[in-house]
Amino acid sequence: MARRDRLVEEYARALLAVAEAEGELADVEEELYRFGKAVEREPGLRDALTDPGLPTDRKRAVVEELLSRKASRHTRNLVAFLIEQGRARDLPRIVEALAELAAERRRRVVAEVRSAVPLDDERRERLARALSRATGKDVEVRVLVDPSVIGGVVARVGDQVFDGSIRNRLQQARERLAGVGRR
């Protein structure tokens, strides 16, 4: 597990305990992960949730509006808790730590997979098997839809990156062709 700040780890452990106690760990973990990545990627959302001038009840309303149809009550409450504690800025790191802790409990590692389109269960499973063979570890896949990938997938397991995107394949082809032209 990557070295993390102690406070981030404690919040992650607390969220993990609550989600487990509610019997909703898998769903809450997935929903929190997606929301944490959205906060990380969207500066406007991050700024709104971390603005000290914006009252906490307004921040909660923003979260409720964004997650009301996309996340369970447990997930919305946990996000609201982090915001009320002034931890919105740390939310992506806390959620990533939670995913790693949950995966460790299941004796697995988390693979963050970026794909231009959502992956169905069969593709997720095939990808998890392939990444498991490549890393020698049991891999749990977390898919983030990222239109910049264009085609294929980019997977990160710890410090290892597996880039099977069309963009990467085209770049490799360009480099090979450039090398052929120099001979």
Protein backbone atom coordinates (compact mmCIF):
# COMPACT_ATOMS: atom_id res chain seq x y z
CA MET A 1 0.00 0.00 0.00
CA ALA A 2 1.28 3.44 -0.86
CA ARG A 3 2.41 5.58 2.05
CA ARG A 4 -0.49 7.76 3.17
CA ASP A 5 -1.04 10.55 5.60
CA ARG A 6 -2.25 9.16 8.94
CA LEU A 7 -5.41 11.31 9.07
CA VAL A 8 -6.42 10.23 5.56
CA GLU A 9 -5.94 6.60 6.59
CA GLU A 10 -8.02 7.05 9.76
CA TYR A 11 -10.91 8.57 7.82
CA ALA A 12 -10.67 5.75 5.29
CA ARG A 13 -10.80 3.16 8.09
CA ALA A 14 -13.81 4.90 9.62
CA LEU A 15 -15.70 4.97 6.30
CA LEU A 16 -14.82 1.32 5.73
CA ALA A 17 -16.16 0.37 9.17
CA VAL A 18 -19.43 2.24 8.61
CA ALA A 19 -19.97 0.76 5.14
CA GLU A 20 -19.23 -2.75 6.44
CA ALA A 21 -21.56 -2.27 9.42
CA GLU A 22 -24.35 -1.20 7.06
CA GLY A 23 -23.71 -4.24 4.86
CA GLU A 24 -23.15 -1.94 1.88
CA LEU A 25 -19.37 -2.04 1.46
CA ALA A 26 -19.23 -3.04 -2.22
CA ASP A 27 -21.76 -0.44 -3.39
CA VAL A 28 -20.54 2.35 -1.11
CA GLU A 29 -16.93 1.69 -2.05
CA GLU A 30 -17.72 1.88 -5.79
CA GLU A 31 -19.91 5.01 -5.43
CA LEU A 32 -17.36 6.79 -3.24
CA TYR A 33 -14.57 5.90 -5.64
CA ARG A 34 -16.44 7.37 -8.61
CA PHE A 35 -17.35 10.52 -6.64
CA GLY A 36 -13.78 10.95 -5.38
CA LYS A 37 -12.48 10.75 -8.95
CA ALA A 38 -15.11 13.30 -10.06
CA VAL A 39 -13.94 15.71 -7.34
CA GLU A 40 -10.34 15.14 -8.42
CA ARG A 41 -11.10 15.75 -12.11
CA GLU A 42 -13.63 18.64 -11.82
CA PRO A 43 -12.06 21.85 -10.48
CA GLY A 44 -15.44 23.60 -10.15
CA LEU A 45 -16.83 20.83 -7.95
CA ARG A 46 -13.64 20.64 -5.89
CA ASP A 47 -13.65 24.42 -5.41
CA ALA A 48 -17.31 24.45 -4.34
CA LEU A 49 -16.80 21.66 -1.80
CA THR A 50 -13.63 23.19 -0.34
CA ASP A 51 -14.68 26.88 -0.36
CA PRO A 52 -14.53 28.07 3.26
CA GLY A 53 -16.99 30.86 2.41
CA LEU A 54 -19.69 28.44 1.24
CA PRO A 55 -21.88 27.25 4.13
CA THR A 56 -21.80 23.53 4.90
CA ASP A 57 -25.53 23.15 4.22
CA ARG A 58 -24.97 24.48 0.66
CA LYS A 59 -22.14 22.01 0.16
CA ARG A 60 -24.42 19.20 1.37
CA ALA A 61 -27.07 20.38 -1.10
CA VAL A 62 -24.52 20.20 -3.94
CA VAL A 63 -23.62 16.64 -2.95
CA GLU A 64 -27.28 15.66 -2.63
CA GLU A 65 -28.07 17.14 -6.04
CA LEU A 66 -25.15 15.34 -7.69
CA LEU A 67 -25.61 11.99 -5.98
CA SER A 68 -29.34 11.70 -5.29
CA ARG A 69 -29.96 9.38 -8.24
CA LYS A 70 -26.47 7.90 -8.52
CA ALA A 71 -25.58 6.82 -5.00
CA SER A 72 -27.10 5.21 -1.95
CA ARG A 73 -28.17 7.11 1.14
CA HIS A 74 -25.13 5.63 2.95
CA THR A 75 -22.72 7.01 0.36
CA ARG A 76 -24.35 10.45 0.41
CA ASN A 77 -24.18 10.52 4.21
CA LEU A 78 -20.51 9.54 4.24
CA VAL A 79 -19.62 12.25 1.71
CA ALA A 80 -21.62 14.78 3.76
CA PHE A 81 -19.74 13.66 6.89
CA LEU A 82 -16.38 14.29 5.22
CA ILE A 83 -17.51 17.73 4.08
CA GLU A 84 -18.78 18.64 7.54
CA GLN A 85 -15.43 17.57 8.97
CA GLY A 86 -13.66 19.92 6.55
CA ARG A 87 -12.07 17.00 4.66
CA ALA A 88 -13.48 17.69 1.17
CA ARG A 89 -10.01 18.54 -0.12
CA ASP A 90 -8.80 15.11 1.03
CA LEU A 91 -11.84 13.24 -0.30
CA PRO A 92 -10.09 11.71 -3.36
CA ARG A 93 -7.18 10.50 -1.19
CA ILE A 94 -9.50 9.18 1.51
CA VAL A 95 -11.58 7.29 -1.02
CA GLU A 96 -8.50 5.85 -2.71
CA ALA A 97 -7.21 4.73 0.70
CA LEU A 98 -10.61 3.14 1.45
CA ALA A 99 -10.48 1.20 -1.83
CA GLU A 100 -6.98 -0.04 -1.05
CA LEU A 101 -7.93 -1.04 2.50
CA ALA A 102 -11.03 -2.90 1.31
CA ALA A 103 -9.03 -4.66 -1.41
CA GLU A 104 -6.33 -5.63 1.12
CA ARG A 105 -9.00 -7.18 3.34
CA ARG A 106 -10.05 -9.27 0.38
CA ARG A 107 -6.35 -9.98 -0.30
CA ARG A 108 -6.48 -8.09 -3.57
CA VAL A 109 -5.04 -4.98 -5.18
CA VAL A 110 -7.02 -2.26 -6.93
CA ALA A 111 -6.58 -1.61 -10.63
CA GLU A 112 -7.81 1.79 -11.76
CA VAL A 113 -8.94 1.28 -15.34
CA ARG A 114 -9.75 4.15 -17.64
CA SER A 115 -11.92 3.36 -20.63
CA ALA A 116 -13.81 5.50 -23.14
CA VAL A 117 -16.95 3.43 -22.48
CA PRO A 118 -18.36 1.52 -19.50
CA LEU A 119 -17.22 -2.12 -19.35
CA ASP A 120 -19.75 -4.90 -18.86
CA ASP A 121 -19.19 -7.59 -16.22
CA GLU A 122 -17.66 -10.05 -18.70
CA ARG A 123 -15.07 -7.53 -19.92
CA ARG A 124 -14.27 -6.46 -16.36
CA GLU A 125 -13.67 -10.09 -15.41
CA ARG A 126 -11.45 -10.76 -18.45
CA LEU A 127 -9.48 -7.61 -17.72
CA ALA A 128 -9.11 -8.56 -14.04
CA ARG A 129 -7.77 -12.00 -15.05
CA ALA A 130 -5.31 -10.47 -17.54
CA LEU A 131 -4.06 -7.93 -15.00
CA SER A 132 -3.78 -10.67 -12.38
CA ARG A 133 -1.58 -12.71 -14.74
CA ALA A 134 0.53 -9.63 -15.55
CA THR A 135 1.05 -8.57 -11.93
CA GLY A 136 0.98 -11.93 -10.14
CA LYS A 137 -1.67 -10.53 -7.76
CA ASP A 138 -5.42 -10.88 -7.43
CA VAL A 139 -6.75 -7.72 -9.04
CA GLU A 140 -9.98 -5.86 -8.37
CA VAL A 141 -10.98 -3.57 -11.24
CA ARG A 142 -12.39 -0.05 -10.76
CA VAL A 143 -13.49 1.40 -14.09
CA LEU A 144 -13.60 5.13 -14.76
CA VAL A 145 -15.14 6.30 -18.00
CA ASP A 146 -12.65 8.69 -19.59
CA PRO A 147 -13.43 9.89 -23.14
CA SER A 148 -9.80 11.00 -23.60
CA VAL A 149 -8.78 7.33 -23.79
CA ILE A 150 -10.50 7.14 -27.22
CA GLY A 151 -10.35 3.32 -27.45
CA GLY A 152 -8.94 0.43 -25.46
CA VAL A 153 -8.06 0.83 -21.78
CA VAL A 154 -5.35 2.23 -19.55
CA ALA A 155 -4.91 0.36 -16.26
CA ARG A 156 -2.89 1.37 -13.20
CA VAL A 157 -2.09 -1.23 -10.54
CA GLY A 158 0.00 0.45 -7.88
CA ASP A 159 2.99 1.94 -9.74
CA GLN A 160 2.52 -0.21 -12.84
CA VAL A 161 0.70 1.22 -15.86
CA PHE A 162 -0.65 -0.97 -18.65
CA ASP A 163 -1.56 1.20 -21.62
CA GLY A 164 -3.66 -0.66 -24.17
CA SER A 165 -5.24 2.49 -25.56
CA ILE A 166 -5.49 3.16 -29.26
CA ARG A 167 -3.62 6.42 -28.65
CA ASN A 168 -0.65 4.48 -27.23
CA ARG A 169 -0.72 1.92 -30.06
CA LEU A 170 -0.71 4.73 -32.64
CA GLN A 171 2.20 6.42 -30.87
CA GLN A 172 4.16 3.16 -30.88
CA ALA A 173 3.42 2.68 -34.59
CA ARG A 174 4.60 6.26 -35.32
CA GLU A 175 7.83 5.62 -33.42
CA ARG A 176 8.45 2.36 -35.31
CA LEU A 177 7.76 4.05 -38.64
CA ALA A 178 10.03 6.96 -37.75
CA GLY A 179 12.77 4.46 -36.87
CA VAL A 180 12.33 2.68 -40.22
CA GLY A 181 12.57 5.98 -42.11
CA ARG A 182 15.95 6.81 -40.48
CA ARG A 183 17.67 3.66 -41.66
